[in-house]
Amino acid sequence: MASMRLLAIIAILVQGLVNGDSNELPSFDPELAVAKVWEVAEGKVGPDVKVFNVVDFGAKPDGTTISTINFIRAFKEACNHNGRAMLVIPEGNFLLGSMLLSGPCTFQPPLMVQFNGNLLPQGSTSTAENADWITFMNFNGLFISGKGTINGLGEKEAWKAVCDGCRRKAAVSF
């Protein structure tokens, strides 16, 4: 069963995210990143990894308290860490508004995200005008694993473009 759980890990490796100048960003080795994240998935974090838990930054997993600024603060601390960093989103329901999680970052790639919570949008998805809900940009190396859910809670209409010819909003963009 544990091996099935490991096989179900969702991983996203991102190299050279939009608006990034690869000459300024730390190098990213995908093979090394995968090896390190498998260690994390097996519970082998190691003393050289600094953990940034969104709850430690004030996020509330209660499904009613807006935790957007707490997620942004946790991300910024992980982003600016000089070494290996892991952002932890524990179990629970986190209510979030639109977020831009942007570098440049100083962490040693990849940024590992242990994602076990349920992300819920703050209010209607139409309140963000034409902004995407969660945007990652301008850093190299992102690995997301866990059993979490990004739940847009919207019907098809909620995610439509706000005007003819406008691009449709995304729940997550890179």
C-alpha atoms as a PDB file:
ATOM      1  CA  MET A   1       0.000   0.000   0.000  1.00  0.00           C
ATOM      2  CA  ALA A   2       2.861   2.373   0.843  1.00  0.00           C
ATOM      3  CA  SER A   3       4.434   1.753  -2.561  1.00  0.00           C
ATOM      4  CA  MET A   4       1.094   2.542  -4.219  1.00  0.00           C
ATOM      5  CA  ARG A   5       0.945   5.774  -2.233  1.00  0.00           C
ATOM      6  CA  LEU A   6       4.435   6.664  -3.419  1.00  0.00           C
ATOM      7  CA  LEU A   7       3.452   5.908  -6.998  1.00  0.00           C
ATOM      8  CA  ALA A   8       0.501   8.265  -6.605  1.00  0.00           C
ATOM      9  CA  ILE A   9       2.730  11.222  -5.752  1.00  0.00           C
ATOM     10  CA  ILE A  10       2.003  14.136  -8.009  1.00  0.00           C
ATOM     11  CA  ALA A  11       5.140  15.846  -9.218  1.00  0.00           C
ATOM     12  CA  ILE A  12       5.601  18.992 -11.212  1.00  0.00           C
ATOM     13  CA  LEU A  13       9.098  19.944 -12.249  1.00  0.00           C
ATOM     14  CA  VAL A  14       9.384  23.428 -13.595  1.00  0.00           C
ATOM     15  CA  GLN A  15      12.537  24.743 -15.174  1.00  0.00           C
ATOM     16  CA  GLY A  16      12.923  28.272 -16.444  1.00  0.00           C
ATOM     17  CA  LEU A  17       9.549  29.646 -15.400  1.00  0.00           C
ATOM     18  CA  VAL A  18       8.042  32.562 -17.292  1.00  0.00           C
ATOM     19  CA  ASN A  19       9.666  35.949 -17.033  1.00  0.00           C
ATOM     20  CA  GLY A  20      12.860  34.446 -15.643  1.00  0.00           C
ATOM     21  CA  ASP A  21      16.313  35.209 -16.916  1.00  0.00           C
ATOM     22  CA  SER A  22      18.109  31.866 -16.805  1.00  0.00           C
ATOM     23  CA  ASN A  23      21.467  33.671 -16.538  1.00  0.00           C
ATOM     24  CA  GLU A  24      20.500  35.031 -13.112  1.00  0.00           C
ATOM     25  CA  LEU A  25      18.754  31.975 -11.675  1.00  0.00           C
ATOM     26  CA  PRO A  26      20.480  29.068  -9.911  1.00  0.00           C
ATOM     27  CA  SER A  27      21.113  26.017 -12.090  1.00  0.00           C
ATOM     28  CA  PHE A  28      18.592  23.216 -11.880  1.00  0.00           C
ATOM     29  CA  ASP A  29      19.402  19.522 -12.233  1.00  0.00           C
ATOM     30  CA  PRO A  30      16.128  17.605 -12.822  1.00  0.00           C
ATOM     31  CA  GLU A  31      17.640  14.193 -11.981  1.00  0.00           C
ATOM     32  CA  LEU A  32      19.025  15.441  -8.676  1.00  0.00           C
ATOM     33  CA  ALA A  33      15.697  17.147  -7.945  1.00  0.00           C
ATOM     34  CA  VAL A  34      13.746  13.931  -8.486  1.00  0.00           C
ATOM     35  CA  ALA A  35      16.142  11.964  -6.267  1.00  0.00           C
ATOM     36  CA  LYS A  36      15.865  14.518  -3.458  1.00  0.00           C
ATOM     37  CA  VAL A  37      12.089  14.724  -3.645  1.00  0.00           C
ATOM     38  CA  TRP A  38      11.742  10.927  -3.518  1.00  0.00           C
ATOM     39  CA  GLU A  39      13.750  11.128  -0.297  1.00  0.00           C
ATOM     40  CA  VAL A  40      11.261  13.684   1.007  1.00  0.00           C
ATOM     41  CA  ALA A  41       8.307  11.518  -0.035  1.00  0.00           C
ATOM     42  CA  GLU A  42       9.835   8.684   1.974  1.00  0.00           C
ATOM     43  CA  GLY A  43      10.181  10.950   5.019  1.00  0.00           C
ATOM     44  CA  LYS A  44      13.933  11.469   4.660  1.00  0.00           C
ATOM     45  CA  VAL A  45      14.078  15.251   4.840  1.00  0.00           C
ATOM     46  CA  GLY A  46      17.527  15.522   6.375  1.00  0.00           C
ATOM     47  CA  PRO A  47      19.020  18.208   8.582  1.00  0.00           C
ATOM     48  CA  ASP A  48      20.083  20.325   5.591  1.00  0.00           C
ATOM     49  CA  VAL A  49      16.460  21.068   4.554  1.00  0.00           C
ATOM     50  CA  LYS A  50      14.723  24.035   6.169  1.00  0.00           C
ATOM     51  CA  VAL A  51      10.964  23.471   6.500  1.00  0.00           C
ATOM     52  CA  PHE A  52       8.530  26.368   6.054  1.00  0.00           C
ATOM     53  CA  ASN A  53       5.065  25.263   7.217  1.00  0.00           C
ATOM     54  CA  VAL A  54       2.273  27.656   6.187  1.00  0.00           C
ATOM     55  CA  VAL A  55       0.585  27.100   9.578  1.00  0.00           C
ATOM     56  CA  ASP A  56       3.701  28.470  11.306  1.00  0.00           C
ATOM     57  CA  PHE A  57       3.111  31.659   9.295  1.00  0.00           C
ATOM     58  CA  GLY A  58      -0.474  31.962  10.562  1.00  0.00           C
ATOM     59  CA  ALA A  59      -2.431  30.046   7.904  1.00  0.00           C
ATOM     60  CA  LYS A  60      -5.563  28.435   9.347  1.00  0.00           C
ATOM     61  CA  PRO A  61      -6.681  25.025   8.017  1.00  0.00           C
ATOM     62  CA  ASP A  62     -10.295  25.688   9.024  1.00  0.00           C
ATOM     63  CA  GLY A  63     -11.824  26.474   5.610  1.00  0.00           C
ATOM     64  CA  THR A  64     -13.181  29.833   6.805  1.00  0.00           C
ATOM     65  CA  THR A  65     -10.141  32.010   7.593  1.00  0.00           C
ATOM     66  CA  ILE A  66      -8.498  33.672   4.596  1.00  0.00           C
ATOM     67  CA  SER A  67      -4.848  32.544   4.577  1.00  0.00           C
ATOM     68  CA  THR A  68      -3.526  34.168   1.393  1.00  0.00           C
ATOM     69  CA  ILE A  69      -0.990  36.480   3.048  1.00  0.00           C
ATOM     70  CA  ASN A  70       0.247  33.622   5.259  1.00  0.00           C
ATOM     71  CA  PHE A  71       0.959  31.441   2.206  1.00  0.00           C
ATOM     72  CA  ILE A  72       2.759  34.336   0.503  1.00  0.00           C
ATOM     73  CA  ARG A  73       4.906  34.975   3.600  1.00  0.00           C
ATOM     74  CA  ALA A  74       5.831  31.284   3.926  1.00  0.00           C
ATOM     75  CA  PHE A  75       6.707  31.130   0.224  1.00  0.00           C
ATOM     76  CA  LYS A  76       8.836  34.297   0.429  1.00  0.00           C
ATOM     77  CA  GLU A  77      10.794  32.928   3.398  1.00  0.00           C
ATOM     78  CA  ALA A  78      11.405  29.635   1.549  1.00  0.00           C
ATOM     79  CA  CYS A  79      12.270  31.534  -1.635  1.00  0.00           C
ATOM     80  CA  ASN A  80      14.849  33.689   0.160  1.00  0.00           C
ATOM     81  CA  HIS A  81      16.432  30.815   2.112  1.00  0.00           C
ATOM     82  CA  ASN A  82      20.096  30.165   1.266  1.00  0.00           C
ATOM     83  CA  GLY A  83      19.964  26.374   1.069  1.00  0.00           C
ATOM     84  CA  ARG A  84      17.500  23.552   0.535  1.00  0.00           C
ATOM     85  CA  ALA A  85      13.925  24.552   1.348  1.00  0.00           C
ATOM     86  CA  MET A  86      10.591  22.786   1.709  1.00  0.00           C
ATOM     87  CA  LEU A  87       7.212  24.498   1.834  1.00  0.00           C
ATOM     88  CA  VAL A  88       4.686  22.409   3.783  1.00  0.00           C
ATOM     89  CA  ILE A  89       0.930  22.654   3.299  1.00  0.00           C
ATOM     90  CA  PRO A  90      -0.481  20.270   5.934  1.00  0.00           C
ATOM     91  CA  GLU A  91      -3.883  18.585   5.934  1.00  0.00           C
ATOM     92  CA  GLY A  92      -6.857  20.884   6.307  1.00  0.00           C
ATOM     93  CA  ASN A  93      -8.911  23.323   4.256  1.00  0.00           C
ATOM     94  CA  PHE A  94      -7.147  26.579   3.380  1.00  0.00           C
ATOM     95  CA  LEU A  95      -9.124  29.527   2.006  1.00  0.00           C
ATOM     96  CA  LEU A  96      -7.053  31.555  -0.482  1.00  0.00           C
ATOM     97  CA  GLY A  97      -7.439  34.586  -2.724  1.00  0.00           C
ATOM     98  CA  SER A  98      -5.354  35.247  -5.843  1.00  0.00           C
ATOM     99  CA  MET A  99      -1.616  34.821  -5.205  1.00  0.00           C
ATOM    100  CA  LEU A 100       1.533  35.622  -7.149  1.00  0.00           C
ATOM    101  CA  LEU A 101       4.421  33.484  -5.849  1.00  0.00           C
ATOM    102  CA  SER A 102       7.428  34.986  -7.572  1.00  0.00           C
ATOM    103  CA  GLY A 103      11.211  35.010  -7.467  1.00  0.00           C
ATOM    104  CA  PRO A 104      13.990  35.489  -8.067  1.00  0.00           C
ATOM    105  CA  CYS A 105      14.792  33.071  -5.275  1.00  0.00           C
ATOM    106  CA  THR A 106      17.997  32.128  -3.482  1.00  0.00           C
ATOM    107  CA  PHE A 107      17.073  28.587  -2.320  1.00  0.00           C
ATOM    108  CA  GLN A 108      19.057  25.621  -3.592  1.00  0.00           C
ATOM    109  CA  PRO A 109      16.763  24.107  -6.286  1.00  0.00           C
ATOM    110  CA  PRO A 110      14.378  22.473  -6.218  1.00  0.00           C
ATOM    111  CA  LEU A 111      11.878  24.133  -3.906  1.00  0.00           C
ATOM    112  CA  MET A 112      10.067  21.120  -2.502  1.00  0.00           C
ATOM    113  CA  VAL A 113       6.384  21.525  -1.682  1.00  0.00           C
ATOM    114  CA  GLN A 114       4.798  18.860   0.531  1.00  0.00           C
ATOM    115  CA  PHE A 115       1.152  19.444  -0.336  1.00  0.00           C
ATOM    116  CA  ASN A 116      -1.469  17.556   1.708  1.00  0.00           C
ATOM    117  CA  GLY A 117      -4.118  20.234   2.244  1.00  0.00           C
ATOM    118  CA  ASN A 118      -7.188  21.295   0.330  1.00  0.00           C
ATOM    119  CA  LEU A 119      -6.919  24.742  -1.294  1.00  0.00           C
ATOM    120  CA  LEU A 120     -10.241  26.559  -1.648  1.00  0.00           C
ATOM    121  CA  PRO A 121     -10.863  29.894  -3.393  1.00  0.00           C
ATOM    122  CA  GLN A 122     -11.863  32.916  -1.349  1.00  0.00           C
ATOM    123  CA  GLY A 123     -15.400  33.785  -2.449  1.00  0.00           C
ATOM    124  CA  SER A 124     -16.350  33.599  -6.089  1.00  0.00           C
ATOM    125  CA  THR A 125     -13.623  32.995  -8.643  1.00  0.00           C
ATOM    126  CA  SER A 126     -15.028  35.936 -10.578  1.00  0.00           C
ATOM    127  CA  THR A 127     -13.854  38.399  -7.894  1.00  0.00           C
ATOM    128  CA  ALA A 128     -10.276  38.280  -9.160  1.00  0.00           C
ATOM    129  CA  GLU A 129     -11.227  40.023 -12.428  1.00  0.00           C
ATOM    130  CA  ASN A 130      -9.088  38.244 -15.022  1.00  0.00           C
ATOM    131  CA  ALA A 131      -6.285  37.180 -12.657  1.00  0.00           C
ATOM    132  CA  ASP A 132      -5.267  33.562 -12.304  1.00  0.00           C
ATOM    133  CA  TRP A 133      -5.814  32.113  -8.865  1.00  0.00           C
ATOM    134  CA  ILE A 134      -2.300  30.839  -8.028  1.00  0.00           C
ATOM    135  CA  THR A 135       0.662  31.943 -10.154  1.00  0.00           C
ATOM    136  CA  PHE A 136       4.284  30.757  -9.843  1.00  0.00           C
ATOM    137  CA  MET A 137       6.903  32.714 -11.767  1.00  0.00           C
ATOM    138  CA  ASN A 138      10.524  33.783 -12.054  1.00  0.00           C
ATOM    139  CA  PHE A 139      12.391  30.938 -10.371  1.00  0.00           C
ATOM    140  CA  ASN A 140      13.902  27.591 -11.343  1.00  0.00           C
ATOM    141  CA  GLY A 141      13.032  24.248  -9.797  1.00  0.00           C
ATOM    142  CA  LEU A 142       9.707  23.379  -8.248  1.00  0.00           C
ATOM    143  CA  PHE A 143       8.646  19.923  -7.102  1.00  0.00           C
ATOM    144  CA  ILE A 144       5.201  19.348  -5.640  1.00  0.00           C
ATOM    145  CA  SER A 145       4.273  16.073  -3.957  1.00  0.00           C
ATOM    146  CA  GLY A 146       1.525  14.897  -1.670  1.00  0.00           C
ATOM    147  CA  LYS A 147      -2.160  14.115  -1.632  1.00  0.00           C
ATOM    148  CA  GLY A 148      -3.552  17.653  -1.602  1.00  0.00           C
ATOM    149  CA  THR A 149      -6.295  19.130  -3.766  1.00  0.00           C
ATOM    150  CA  ILE A 150      -6.572  22.429  -5.594  1.00  0.00           C
ATOM    151  CA  ASN A 151     -10.340  22.797  -5.546  1.00  0.00           C
ATOM    152  CA  GLY A 152     -11.586  25.738  -7.615  1.00  0.00           C
ATOM    153  CA  LEU A 153     -15.167  25.116  -6.418  1.00  0.00           C
ATOM    154  CA  GLY A 154     -16.354  26.824  -9.553  1.00  0.00           C
ATOM    155  CA  GLU A 155     -18.831  25.791 -12.125  1.00  0.00           C
ATOM    156  CA  LYS A 156     -17.700  26.133 -15.716  1.00  0.00           C
ATOM    157  CA  GLU A 157     -19.055  29.677 -15.835  1.00  0.00           C
ATOM    158  CA  ALA A 158     -16.874  30.826 -12.939  1.00  0.00           C
ATOM    159  CA  TRP A 159     -13.656  30.178 -14.877  1.00  0.00           C
ATOM    160  CA  LYS A 160     -14.729  31.732 -18.192  1.00  0.00           C
ATOM    161  CA  ALA A 161     -12.951  34.755 -19.632  1.00  0.00           C
ATOM    162  CA  VAL A 162     -14.423  38.054 -18.460  1.00  0.00           C
ATOM    163  CA  CYS A 163     -14.695  39.390 -22.013  1.00  0.00           C
ATOM    164  CA  ASP A 164     -14.765  38.171 -25.601  1.00  0.00           C
ATOM    165  CA  GLY A 165     -11.205  37.681 -26.762  1.00  0.00           C
ATOM    166  CA  CYS A 166      -9.801  37.623 -23.212  1.00  0.00           C
ATOM    167  CA  ARG A 167      -7.955  34.563 -22.062  1.00  0.00           C
ATOM    168  CA  ARG A 168      -9.699  32.256 -19.630  1.00  0.00           C
ATOM    169  CA  LYS A 169      -8.566  32.351 -15.995  1.00  0.00           C
ATOM    170  CA  ALA A 170      -6.493  29.452 -14.706  1.00  0.00           C
ATOM    171  CA  ALA A 171      -6.538  27.891 -11.259  1.00  0.00           C
ATOM    172  CA  VAL A 172      -2.739  27.507 -11.344  1.00  0.00           C
ATOM    173  CA  SER A 173      -0.276  29.030 -13.791  1.00  0.00           C
ATOM    174  CA  PHE A 174       3.508  28.949 -14.239  1.00  0.00           C
END
